[in-house]
C-alpha atoms as a PDB file:
ATOM      1  CA  VAL A   1      56.906 -92.509  67.790  1.00  0.00           C
ATOM      2  CA  GLU A   2      53.835 -94.195  69.379  1.00  0.00           C
ATOM      3  CA  LYS A   3      52.427 -90.731  70.513  1.00  0.00           C
ATOM      4  CA  HIS A   4      52.465 -89.308  67.059  1.00  0.00           C
ATOM      5  CA  LEU A   5      52.178 -92.394  64.716  1.00  0.00           C
ATOM      6  CA  GLY A   6      50.429 -94.920  66.840  1.00  0.00           C
ATOM      7  CA  PRO A   7      51.434 -98.337  68.537  1.00  0.00           C
ATOM      8  CA  GLY A   8      51.516-100.207  65.126  1.00  0.00           C
ATOM      9  CA  TRP A   9      54.583 -98.102  64.199  1.00  0.00           C
ATOM     10  CA  LEU A  10      56.598 -99.377  67.279  1.00  0.00           C
ATOM     11  CA  GLU A  11      57.360-102.800  65.403  1.00  0.00           C
ATOM     12  CA  ARG A  12      58.491-101.001  62.352  1.00  0.00           C
ATOM     13  CA  LEU A  13      60.895 -98.540  64.217  1.00  0.00           C
ATOM     14  CA  ILE A  14      64.687 -99.535  63.721  1.00  0.00           C
ATOM     15  CA  ILE A  15      67.543 -98.027  65.921  1.00  0.00           C
ATOM     16  CA  THR A  16      71.043 -98.552  64.721  1.00  0.00           C
ATOM     17  CA  ARG A  17      74.404 -97.019  64.529  1.00  0.00           C
ATOM     18  CA  ASP A  18      75.002 -97.485  60.809  1.00  0.00           C
ATOM     19  CA  LYS A  19      71.742 -96.492  59.105  1.00  0.00           C
ATOM     20  CA  THR A  20      73.062 -97.291  55.736  1.00  0.00           C
ATOM     21  CA  HIS A  21      72.328-100.995  56.581  1.00  0.00           C
ATOM     22  CA  VAL A  22      68.508-100.144  56.772  1.00  0.00           C
ATOM     23  CA  GLN A  23      66.584-100.380  53.539  1.00  0.00           C
ATOM     24  CA  GLY A  24      63.633 -98.058  52.989  1.00  0.00           C
ATOM     25  CA  ASP A  25      62.331 -95.147  51.030  1.00  0.00           C
ATOM     26  CA  ILE A  26      62.811 -92.335  53.650  1.00  0.00           C
ATOM     27  CA  LEU A  27      65.320 -91.929  56.632  1.00  0.00           C
ATOM     28  CA  VAL A  28      64.305 -89.225  59.113  1.00  0.00           C
ATOM     29  CA  ASP A  29      67.512 -88.313  61.072  1.00  0.00           C
ATOM     30  CA  ASP A  30      69.077 -85.218  62.682  1.00  0.00           C
ATOM     31  CA  LYS A  31      72.548 -85.969  61.476  1.00  0.00           C
ATOM     32  CA  PRO A  32      73.335 -83.628  58.474  1.00  0.00           C
ATOM     33  CA  GLN A  33      75.374 -86.220  56.503  1.00  0.00           C
ATOM     34  CA  VAL A  34      74.606 -89.876  57.081  1.00  0.00           C
ATOM     35  CA  THR A  35      77.600 -92.197  56.359  1.00  0.00           C
ATOM     36  CA  GLY A  36      78.151 -95.917  56.542  1.00  0.00           C
ATOM     37  CA  GLY A  37      79.330 -99.171  54.941  1.00  0.00           C
ATOM     38  CA  GLN A  38      76.501 -99.534  52.476  1.00  0.00           C
ATOM     39  CA  PRO A  39      75.112 -97.372  49.436  1.00  0.00           C
ATOM     40  CA  THR A  40      71.816 -95.799  50.466  1.00  0.00           C
ATOM     41  CA  LEU A  41      68.593 -95.836  48.212  1.00  0.00           C
ATOM     42  CA  TRP A  42      66.339 -93.845  50.943  1.00  0.00           C
ATOM     43  CA  THR A  43      65.820 -90.136  50.735  1.00  0.00           C
ATOM     44  CA  HIS A  44      67.221 -88.340  53.860  1.00  0.00           C
ATOM     45  CA  VAL A  45      64.816 -86.148  55.626  1.00  0.00           C
ATOM     46  CA  LEU A  46      66.443 -83.798  58.109  1.00  0.00           C
ATOM     47  CA  PHE A  47      65.115 -83.631  61.664  1.00  0.00           C
ATOM     48  CA  ASP A  48      65.505 -80.172  62.647  1.00  0.00           C
ATOM     49  CA  GLN A  49      68.195 -79.611  65.772  1.00  0.00           C
ATOM     50  CA  ALA A  50      69.886 -76.395  66.748  1.00  0.00           C
ATOM     51  CA  TYR A  51      73.300 -77.872  65.467  1.00  0.00           C
ATOM     52  CA  ASN A  52      71.959 -78.543  61.947  1.00  0.00           C
ATOM     53  CA  ARG A  53      69.950 -75.287  61.086  1.00  0.00           C
ATOM     54  CA  LYS A  54      72.612 -74.062  58.717  1.00  0.00           C
ATOM     55  CA  VAL A  55      72.560 -77.180  56.610  1.00  0.00           C
ATOM     56  CA  GLU A  56      70.738 -76.380  53.167  1.00  0.00           C
ATOM     57  CA  GLY A  57      69.155 -78.379  50.290  1.00  0.00           C
ATOM     58  CA  LYS A  58      67.483 -81.062  52.485  1.00  0.00           C
ATOM     59  CA  THR A  59      63.859 -81.499  53.374  1.00  0.00           C
ATOM     60  CA  ARG A  60      63.173 -80.972  57.099  1.00  0.00           C
ATOM     61  CA  MET A  61      60.891 -81.947  59.753  1.00  0.00           C
ATOM     62  CA  SER A  62      60.913 -79.972  63.069  1.00  0.00           C
ATOM     63  CA  SER A  63      58.459 -82.285  64.893  1.00  0.00           C
ATOM     64  CA  TRP A  64      57.044 -85.844  64.368  1.00  0.00           C
ATOM     65  CA  SER A  65      53.606 -84.127  64.190  1.00  0.00           C
ATOM     66  CA  GLN A  66      54.611 -83.069  60.748  1.00  0.00           C
ATOM     67  CA  TRP A  67      55.088 -86.441  59.219  1.00  0.00           C
ATOM     68  CA  ALA A  68      51.616 -86.479  57.337  1.00  0.00           C
ATOM     69  CA  GLN A  69      52.565 -83.204  55.323  1.00  0.00           C
ATOM     70  CA  VAL A  70      56.315 -83.857  54.908  1.00  0.00           C
ATOM     71  CA  LEU A  71      56.745 -87.562  54.124  1.00  0.00           C
ATOM     72  CA  PRO A  72      54.135 -87.901  51.289  1.00  0.00           C
ATOM     73  CA  ALA A  73      55.460 -84.953  49.588  1.00  0.00           C
ATOM     74  CA  VAL A  74      59.013 -86.448  49.727  1.00  0.00           C
ATOM     75  CA  LEU A  75      57.615 -89.789  48.274  1.00  0.00           C
ATOM     76  CA  GLY A  76      55.463 -88.117  45.679  1.00  0.00           C
ATOM     77  CA  ALA A  77      51.994 -88.961  44.682  1.00  0.00           C
ATOM     78  CA  ASN A  78      52.657 -92.656  43.732  1.00  0.00           C
ATOM     79  CA  GLY A  79      54.536 -93.581  47.015  1.00  0.00           C
ATOM     80  CA  ALA A  80      52.255 -91.557  49.394  1.00  0.00           C
ATOM     81  CA  ASN A  81      49.611 -94.447  49.143  1.00  0.00           C
ATOM     82  CA  GLY A  82      51.790 -96.588  51.515  1.00  0.00           C
ATOM     83  CA  LEU A  83      51.877 -93.995  54.317  1.00  0.00           C
ATOM     84  CA  SER A  84      49.095 -94.213  57.119  1.00  0.00           C
ATOM     85  CA  LYS A  85      48.908 -93.563  60.709  1.00  0.00           C
ATOM     86  CA  SER A  86      48.263 -97.235  61.232  1.00  0.00           C
ATOM     87  CA  PRO A  87      50.506 -99.719  59.323  1.00  0.00           C
ATOM     88  CA  SER A  88      49.027-103.080  58.486  1.00  0.00           C
END
């Protein structure tokens, strides 16, 4: 994360078993179907892996270097203003 997005993003990184407890606009995850104990509001972007390549209908990222192209497109024109390489 630090290599591709910068050190400011390390404090915004969340690692958890049940990702449905995390609030946000986008979840980037390699698991094709994210399930858990809470309803989700985020959009799931599938991080490409060999075992999930047959999954269809989801936006994909195959490398963290693609975030600037993929994530703003997922959020749309209004939400993209909040995405920057250096969070404030």
